[in-house]
């Protein structure tokens, strides 16, 4: 077998491996009711419930915040995120969370905010602190 054929087979095998690993990170959009039934990670879209408290105390734990989210179906649940509170969090128009339900609480690993802006829409991405 020629070296060029062997190299082509290796490149194809690596490409297949990358595609398989990328497909494992695919999550589906859900609401709280659907997330409760799922054991996999889901994406949840909703709005911050502004009349309920946002728990964030950087002196105690700078990488923990909890708040209440209203999903597209109108259900309100507590969300816990292991990351710092993003700037202008309370001004966000919508929030996209990645995570899963743990009891009655949604444990989020990632958060994407859509914030109002005077000139253009801004998105702020917050990822769970690793390690």
N, C-alpha and C. Protein backbone atom coordinates (compact mmCIF):
# COMPACT_ATOMS: atom_id res chain seq x y z
N UNK A 1 0.85 -1.18 0.00
CA UNK A 1 0.00 0.00 0.00
C UNK A 1 0.90 1.24 0.00
N UNK A 2 0.54 2.21 -0.79
CA UNK A 2 1.34 3.43 -0.89
C UNK A 2 1.15 4.28 0.36
N UNK A 3 2.17 5.11 0.62
CA UNK A 3 2.10 5.99 1.79
C UNK A 3 0.98 7.01 1.65
N UNK A 4 0.70 7.44 0.44
CA UNK A 4 -0.37 8.42 0.24
C UNK A 4 -1.74 7.81 0.55
N UNK A 5 -1.94 6.52 0.23
CA UNK A 5 -3.20 5.86 0.56
C UNK A 5 -3.34 5.70 2.07
N UNK A 6 -2.26 5.34 2.72
CA UNK A 6 -2.28 5.18 4.17
C UNK A 6 -2.58 6.52 4.85
N UNK A 7 -1.96 7.58 4.35
CA UNK A 7 -2.21 8.91 4.91
C UNK A 7 -3.67 9.33 4.70
N UNK A 8 -4.24 9.04 3.54
CA UNK A 8 -5.64 9.37 3.27
C UNK A 8 -6.57 8.61 4.20
N UNK A 9 -6.29 7.36 4.48
CA UNK A 9 -7.11 6.57 5.40
C UNK A 9 -7.04 7.15 6.81
N UNK A 10 -5.86 7.57 7.23
CA UNK A 10 -5.70 8.16 8.56
C UNK A 10 -6.47 9.47 8.66
N UNK A 11 -6.41 10.30 7.63
CA UNK A 11 -7.14 11.58 7.63
C UNK A 11 -8.64 11.34 7.70
N UNK A 12 -9.15 10.38 6.96
CA UNK A 12 -10.57 10.07 6.99
C UNK A 12 -10.98 9.55 8.37
N UNK A 13 -10.15 8.71 8.96
CA UNK A 13 -10.46 8.17 10.29
C UNK A 13 -10.50 9.28 11.34
N UNK A 14 -9.56 10.21 11.27
CA UNK A 14 -9.55 11.33 12.22
C UNK A 14 -10.78 12.21 12.01
N UNK A 15 -11.15 12.46 10.76
CA UNK A 15 -12.34 13.27 10.48
C UNK A 15 -13.60 12.61 11.03
N UNK A 16 -13.72 11.31 10.88
CA UNK A 16 -14.87 10.59 11.41
C UNK A 16 -14.90 10.69 12.93
N UNK A 17 -13.74 10.56 13.56
CA UNK A 17 -13.65 10.68 15.02
C UNK A 17 -14.08 12.05 15.51
N UNK A 18 -13.69 13.09 14.80
CA UNK A 18 -14.07 14.46 15.17
C UNK A 18 -15.58 14.65 15.03
N UNK A 19 -16.15 14.14 13.95
CA UNK A 19 -17.60 14.27 13.75
C UNK A 19 -18.38 13.53 14.83
N UNK A 20 -17.92 12.36 15.21
CA UNK A 20 -18.62 11.59 16.25
C UNK A 20 -18.54 12.31 17.59
N UNK A 21 -17.37 12.85 17.93
CA UNK A 21 -17.25 13.55 19.21
C UNK A 21 -18.06 14.85 19.21
N UNK A 22 -18.16 15.52 18.08
CA UNK A 22 -18.95 16.75 18.00
C UNK A 22 -20.44 16.45 18.10
N UNK A 23 -20.88 15.31 17.61
CA UNK A 23 -22.30 14.99 17.65
C UNK A 23 -22.78 14.68 19.05
N UNK A 24 -21.88 14.30 19.95
CA UNK A 24 -22.27 14.01 21.33
C UNK A 24 -22.64 15.27 22.09
N UNK A 25 -22.19 16.44 21.61
CA UNK A 25 -22.46 17.70 22.29
C UNK A 25 -23.77 18.33 21.83
N UNK A 26 -24.50 17.70 20.95
CA UNK A 26 -25.75 18.26 20.43
C UNK A 26 -26.82 18.13 21.51
N UNK A 27 -27.46 19.24 21.80
CA UNK A 27 -28.55 19.23 22.77
C UNK A 27 -29.82 19.71 22.07
N UNK A 28 -30.95 19.34 22.64
CA UNK A 28 -32.23 19.74 22.05
C UNK A 28 -32.85 20.86 22.88
N UNK A 29 -33.71 21.66 22.25
CA UNK A 29 -34.42 22.72 22.96
C UNK A 29 -35.62 22.10 23.67
N UNK A 30 -35.85 22.57 24.89
CA UNK A 30 -36.94 22.03 25.69
C UNK A 30 -37.47 23.11 26.62
N UNK A 31 -38.59 22.81 27.26
CA UNK A 31 -39.07 23.65 28.34
C UNK A 31 -38.86 22.87 29.64
N UNK A 32 -39.28 23.42 30.79
CA UNK A 32 -39.03 22.74 32.07
C UNK A 32 -39.70 21.37 32.13
N UNK A 33 -40.91 21.25 31.61
CA UNK A 33 -41.63 19.97 31.65
C UNK A 33 -40.87 18.91 30.86
N UNK A 34 -40.37 19.27 29.68
CA UNK A 34 -39.62 18.32 28.86
C UNK A 34 -38.26 18.01 29.49
N UNK A 35 -37.63 19.02 30.10
CA UNK A 35 -36.33 18.82 30.74
C UNK A 35 -36.44 17.88 31.93
N UNK A 36 -37.59 17.92 32.63
CA UNK A 36 -37.80 17.02 33.77
C UNK A 36 -37.82 15.57 33.33
N UNK A 37 -38.36 15.31 32.14
CA UNK A 37 -38.47 13.94 31.62
C UNK A 37 -37.16 13.45 31.00
N UNK A 38 -36.27 14.36 30.65
CA UNK A 38 -35.04 13.99 29.96
C UNK A 38 -33.89 13.80 30.94
N UNK A 39 -33.05 12.82 30.66
CA UNK A 39 -31.85 12.61 31.47
C UNK A 39 -30.64 13.25 30.80
N UNK A 40 -30.79 13.70 29.57
CA UNK A 40 -29.70 14.33 28.83
C UNK A 40 -29.72 15.84 29.05
N UNK A 41 -28.65 16.49 28.64
CA UNK A 41 -28.62 17.96 28.69
C UNK A 41 -29.56 18.50 27.63
N UNK A 42 -30.20 19.61 27.97
CA UNK A 42 -31.11 20.27 27.05
C UNK A 42 -30.80 21.77 27.05
N UNK A 43 -31.30 22.45 26.03
CA UNK A 43 -31.24 23.91 25.98
C UNK A 43 -32.61 24.44 26.35
N UNK A 44 -32.62 25.43 27.20
CA UNK A 44 -33.86 25.99 27.73
C UNK A 44 -33.86 27.48 27.42
N UNK A 45 -34.93 27.99 26.83
CA UNK A 45 -35.04 29.41 26.50
C UNK A 45 -36.10 30.01 27.41
N UNK A 46 -35.78 31.17 27.97
CA UNK A 46 -36.76 31.82 28.83
C UNK A 46 -36.36 33.23 29.18
N UNK A 47 -37.12 33.79 30.12
CA UNK A 47 -36.89 35.16 30.59
C UNK A 47 -36.66 35.15 32.08
N UNK A 48 -35.82 36.07 32.54
CA UNK A 48 -35.56 36.24 33.96
C UNK A 48 -36.84 36.73 34.64
N UNK A 49 -37.19 36.11 35.76
CA UNK A 49 -38.34 36.56 36.55
C UNK A 49 -37.81 37.67 37.47
N UNK A 50 -38.12 38.91 37.13
CA UNK A 50 -37.49 40.06 37.79
C UNK A 50 -38.07 40.37 39.16
N UNK A 51 -39.24 39.81 39.50
CA UNK A 51 -39.80 40.08 40.82
C UNK A 51 -39.38 39.02 41.85
N UNK A 52 -38.50 38.11 41.47
CA UNK A 52 -37.94 37.13 42.41
C UNK A 52 -36.46 37.42 42.57
N UNK A 53 -35.88 37.03 43.72
CA UNK A 53 -34.49 37.40 44.00
C UNK A 53 -33.47 36.66 43.13
N UNK A 54 -32.37 37.36 42.84
CA UNK A 54 -31.20 36.76 42.20
C UNK A 54 -30.17 36.58 43.30
N UNK A 55 -29.75 35.34 43.52
CA UNK A 55 -28.78 35.06 44.57
C UNK A 55 -27.38 35.06 43.97
N UNK A 56 -26.57 36.02 44.39
CA UNK A 56 -25.18 36.06 43.97
C UNK A 56 -24.40 36.85 45.01
N UNK A 57 -23.46 36.20 45.66
CA UNK A 57 -22.62 36.85 46.65
C UNK A 57 -21.17 36.48 46.36
N UNK A 58 -20.44 37.35 45.64
CA UNK A 58 -19.07 37.00 45.27
C UNK A 58 -18.14 36.85 46.46
N UNK A 59 -18.49 37.40 47.60
CA UNK A 59 -17.65 37.22 48.79
C UNK A 59 -17.74 35.80 49.32
N UNK A 60 -18.89 35.17 49.16
CA UNK A 60 -19.08 33.79 49.62
C UNK A 60 -18.63 32.79 48.55
N UNK A 61 -19.15 32.92 47.34
CA UNK A 61 -18.79 32.04 46.23
C UNK A 61 -18.95 32.83 44.92
N UNK A 62 -17.84 33.27 44.32
CA UNK A 62 -17.95 34.07 43.10
C UNK A 62 -18.41 33.28 41.88
N UNK A 63 -18.46 31.96 41.98
CA UNK A 63 -18.86 31.12 40.85
C UNK A 63 -20.16 30.39 41.11
N UNK A 64 -21.09 31.04 41.79
CA UNK A 64 -22.42 30.48 42.00
C UNK A 64 -23.44 31.59 41.95
N UNK A 65 -24.46 31.36 41.14
CA UNK A 65 -25.60 32.28 41.14
C UNK A 65 -26.87 31.46 40.95
N UNK A 66 -27.95 31.94 41.53
CA UNK A 66 -29.25 31.30 41.40
C UNK A 66 -30.29 32.37 41.10
N UNK A 67 -31.24 32.02 40.26
CA UNK A 67 -32.29 32.95 39.87
C UNK A 67 -33.49 32.16 39.40
N UNK A 68 -34.57 32.84 39.07
CA UNK A 68 -35.78 32.18 38.60
C UNK A 68 -36.00 32.54 37.13
N UNK A 69 -36.37 31.53 36.36
CA UNK A 69 -36.57 31.68 34.92
C UNK A 69 -37.98 31.25 34.55
N UNK A 70 -38.58 32.00 33.65
CA UNK A 70 -39.90 31.64 33.10
C UNK A 70 -39.66 31.12 31.69
N UNK A 71 -40.01 29.85 31.45
CA UNK A 71 -39.78 29.26 30.12
C UNK A 71 -40.86 29.69 29.14
N UNK A 72 -40.73 29.23 27.91
CA UNK A 72 -41.68 29.60 26.85
C UNK A 72 -43.09 29.09 27.12
N UNK A 73 -43.22 28.05 27.96
CA UNK A 73 -44.54 27.52 28.29
C UNK A 73 -45.16 28.26 29.48
N UNK A 74 -44.42 29.20 30.08
CA UNK A 74 -44.94 29.98 31.20
C UNK A 74 -44.62 29.42 32.57
N UNK A 75 -43.90 28.32 32.64
CA UNK A 75 -43.54 27.70 33.92
C UNK A 75 -42.32 28.40 34.51
N UNK A 76 -42.34 28.62 35.82
CA UNK A 76 -41.24 29.30 36.51
C UNK A 76 -40.53 28.29 37.41
N UNK A 77 -39.21 28.24 37.28
CA UNK A 77 -38.39 27.35 38.11
C UNK A 77 -37.11 28.06 38.52
N UNK A 78 -36.50 27.53 39.59
CA UNK A 78 -35.21 28.03 40.06
C UNK A 78 -34.11 27.45 39.17
N UNK A 79 -33.11 28.29 38.86
CA UNK A 79 -31.96 27.89 38.06
C UNK A 79 -30.71 28.16 38.88
N UNK A 80 -29.79 27.20 38.88
CA UNK A 80 -28.50 27.38 39.54
C UNK A 80 -27.41 27.26 38.49
N UNK A 81 -26.52 28.25 38.47
CA UNK A 81 -25.42 28.30 37.50
C UNK A 81 -24.11 28.42 38.26
N UNK A 82 -23.15 27.57 37.91
CA UNK A 82 -21.83 27.62 38.55
C UNK A 82 -20.91 28.49 37.72
N UNK A 83 -21.19 29.79 37.75
CA UNK A 83 -20.38 30.78 37.04
C UNK A 83 -20.66 32.14 37.66
N UNK A 84 -19.79 33.09 37.35
CA UNK A 84 -19.98 34.44 37.85
C UNK A 84 -21.19 35.10 37.18
N UNK A 85 -21.77 36.04 37.88
CA UNK A 85 -22.92 36.77 37.34
C UNK A 85 -22.44 37.71 36.24
N UNK A 86 -23.00 37.60 35.03
CA UNK A 86 -22.57 38.47 33.95
C UNK A 86 -23.07 39.91 34.14
N UNK A 87 -22.33 40.82 33.56
CA UNK A 87 -22.71 42.23 33.60
C UNK A 87 -24.04 42.40 32.86
N UNK A 88 -24.88 43.26 33.35
CA UNK A 88 -26.19 43.56 32.76
C UNK A 88 -27.11 42.35 32.72
N UNK A 89 -26.94 41.42 33.65
CA UNK A 89 -27.77 40.21 33.70
C UNK A 89 -29.25 40.56 33.82
N UNK A 90 -29.56 41.51 34.69
CA UNK A 90 -30.96 41.87 34.93
C UNK A 90 -31.60 42.54 33.72
N UNK A 91 -30.82 43.07 32.79
CA UNK A 91 -31.35 43.74 31.60
C UNK A 91 -31.57 42.80 30.43
N UNK A 92 -31.24 41.54 30.59
CA UNK A 92 -31.34 40.59 29.47
C UNK A 92 -32.78 40.45 28.99
N UNK A 93 -32.93 40.34 27.67
CA UNK A 93 -34.25 40.13 27.07
C UNK A 93 -34.63 38.67 27.12
N UNK A 94 -33.67 37.80 26.84
CA UNK A 94 -33.92 36.36 26.91
C UNK A 94 -32.64 35.66 27.32
N UNK A 95 -32.81 34.46 27.85
CA UNK A 95 -31.70 33.66 28.36
C UNK A 95 -31.81 32.27 27.76
N UNK A 96 -30.70 31.75 27.25
CA UNK A 96 -30.64 30.38 26.77
C UNK A 96 -29.69 29.63 27.70
N UNK A 97 -30.20 28.59 28.35
CA UNK A 97 -29.41 27.81 29.29
C UNK A 97 -29.18 26.41 28.76
N UNK A 98 -28.02 25.86 29.03
CA UNK A 98 -27.73 24.45 28.73
C UNK A 98 -27.52 23.76 30.06
N UNK A 99 -28.21 22.65 30.26
CA UNK A 99 -28.08 21.92 31.52
C UNK A 99 -29.14 20.85 31.64
N UNK A 100 -29.43 20.46 32.88
CA UNK A 100 -30.44 19.44 33.11
C UNK A 100 -31.10 19.65 34.46
N UNK A 101 -32.26 19.05 34.61
CA UNK A 101 -33.01 19.17 35.84
C UNK A 101 -32.39 18.29 36.92
N UNK A 102 -32.32 18.84 38.12
CA UNK A 102 -31.91 18.08 39.32
C UNK A 102 -32.98 18.35 40.35
N UNK A 103 -33.92 17.43 40.44
CA UNK A 103 -35.08 17.64 41.30
C UNK A 103 -35.97 18.70 40.70
N UNK A 104 -36.27 19.74 41.48
CA UNK A 104 -37.10 20.85 41.01
C UNK A 104 -36.27 22.02 40.48
N UNK A 105 -34.95 21.89 40.50
CA UNK A 105 -34.04 22.97 40.09
C UNK A 105 -33.36 22.61 38.78
N UNK A 106 -33.17 23.60 37.92
CA UNK A 106 -32.44 23.40 36.67
C UNK A 106 -30.98 23.76 36.92
N UNK A 107 -30.09 22.78 36.77
CA UNK A 107 -28.65 22.98 36.95
C UNK A 107 -28.05 23.33 35.60
N UNK A 108 -27.67 24.60 35.43
CA UNK A 108 -27.16 25.08 34.15
C UNK A 108 -25.64 25.03 34.12
N UNK A 109 -25.10 24.60 32.99
CA UNK A 109 -23.65 24.59 32.81
C UNK A 109 -23.20 25.73 31.91
N UNK A 110 -24.07 26.21 31.04
CA UNK A 110 -23.77 27.33 30.13
C UNK A 110 -24.97 28.27 30.07
N UNK A 111 -24.67 29.54 29.83
CA UNK A 111 -25.74 30.53 29.72
C UNK A 111 -25.39 31.51 28.61
N UNK A 112 -26.37 31.80 27.78
CA UNK A 112 -26.23 32.78 26.71
C UNK A 112 -27.31 33.84 26.90
N UNK A 113 -26.89 35.10 27.01
CA UNK A 113 -27.84 36.18 27.24
C UNK A 113 -28.03 36.99 25.97
N UNK A 114 -29.26 37.38 25.72
CA UNK A 114 -29.53 38.34 24.66
C UNK A 114 -29.91 39.63 25.38
N UNK A 115 -29.06 40.64 25.21
CA UNK A 115 -29.26 41.89 25.93
C UNK A 115 -29.68 42.99 24.97
N UNK A 116 -30.52 43.92 25.44
CA UNK A 116 -30.89 45.04 24.58
C UNK A 116 -29.70 45.98 24.43
N UNK A 117 -29.59 46.58 23.29
CA UNK A 117 -28.51 47.51 23.04
C UNK A 117 -29.04 48.68 22.25
N UNK A 118 -28.41 49.81 22.42
CA UNK A 118 -28.84 51.01 21.71
C UNK A 118 -28.56 50.88 20.21
N UNK A 119 -27.48 50.18 19.86
CA UNK A 119 -27.05 50.13 18.47
C UNK A 119 -27.26 48.78 17.79
N UNK A 120 -27.09 47.69 18.53
CA UNK A 120 -27.26 46.36 17.95
C UNK A 120 -27.50 45.36 19.06
N UNK A 121 -27.98 44.18 18.70
CA UNK A 121 -28.17 43.13 19.69
C UNK A 121 -26.82 42.59 20.10
N UNK A 122 -26.64 42.41 21.40
CA UNK A 122 -25.40 41.85 21.92
C UNK A 122 -25.74 40.51 22.57
N UNK A 123 -24.84 39.58 22.43
CA UNK A 123 -25.00 38.30 23.11
C UNK A 123 -23.80 38.10 24.01
N UNK A 124 -24.06 37.67 25.24
CA UNK A 124 -23.01 37.42 26.22
C UNK A 124 -23.07 35.94 26.54
N UNK A 125 -21.94 35.26 26.40
CA UNK A 125 -21.87 33.81 26.62
C UNK A 125 -21.12 33.55 27.91
N UNK A 126 -21.73 32.76 28.81
CA UNK A 126 -21.10 32.41 30.08
C UNK A 126 -20.99 30.91 30.14
N UNK A 127 -19.81 30.43 30.40
CA UNK A 127 -19.57 28.99 30.48
C UNK A 127 -19.17 28.64 31.90
N UNK A 128 -19.61 27.47 32.33
CA UNK A 128 -19.29 26.97 33.66
C UNK A 128 -17.78 26.93 33.83
N UNK A 129 -17.31 27.37 34.99
CA UNK A 129 -15.88 27.37 35.27
C UNK A 129 -15.40 25.93 35.40
N UNK A 130 -14.41 25.58 34.62
CA UNK A 130 -13.87 24.21 34.62
C UNK A 130 -12.74 24.12 35.63
N UNK A 131 -12.78 23.09 36.48
CA UNK A 131 -11.68 22.81 37.39
C UNK A 131 -11.76 23.65 38.57
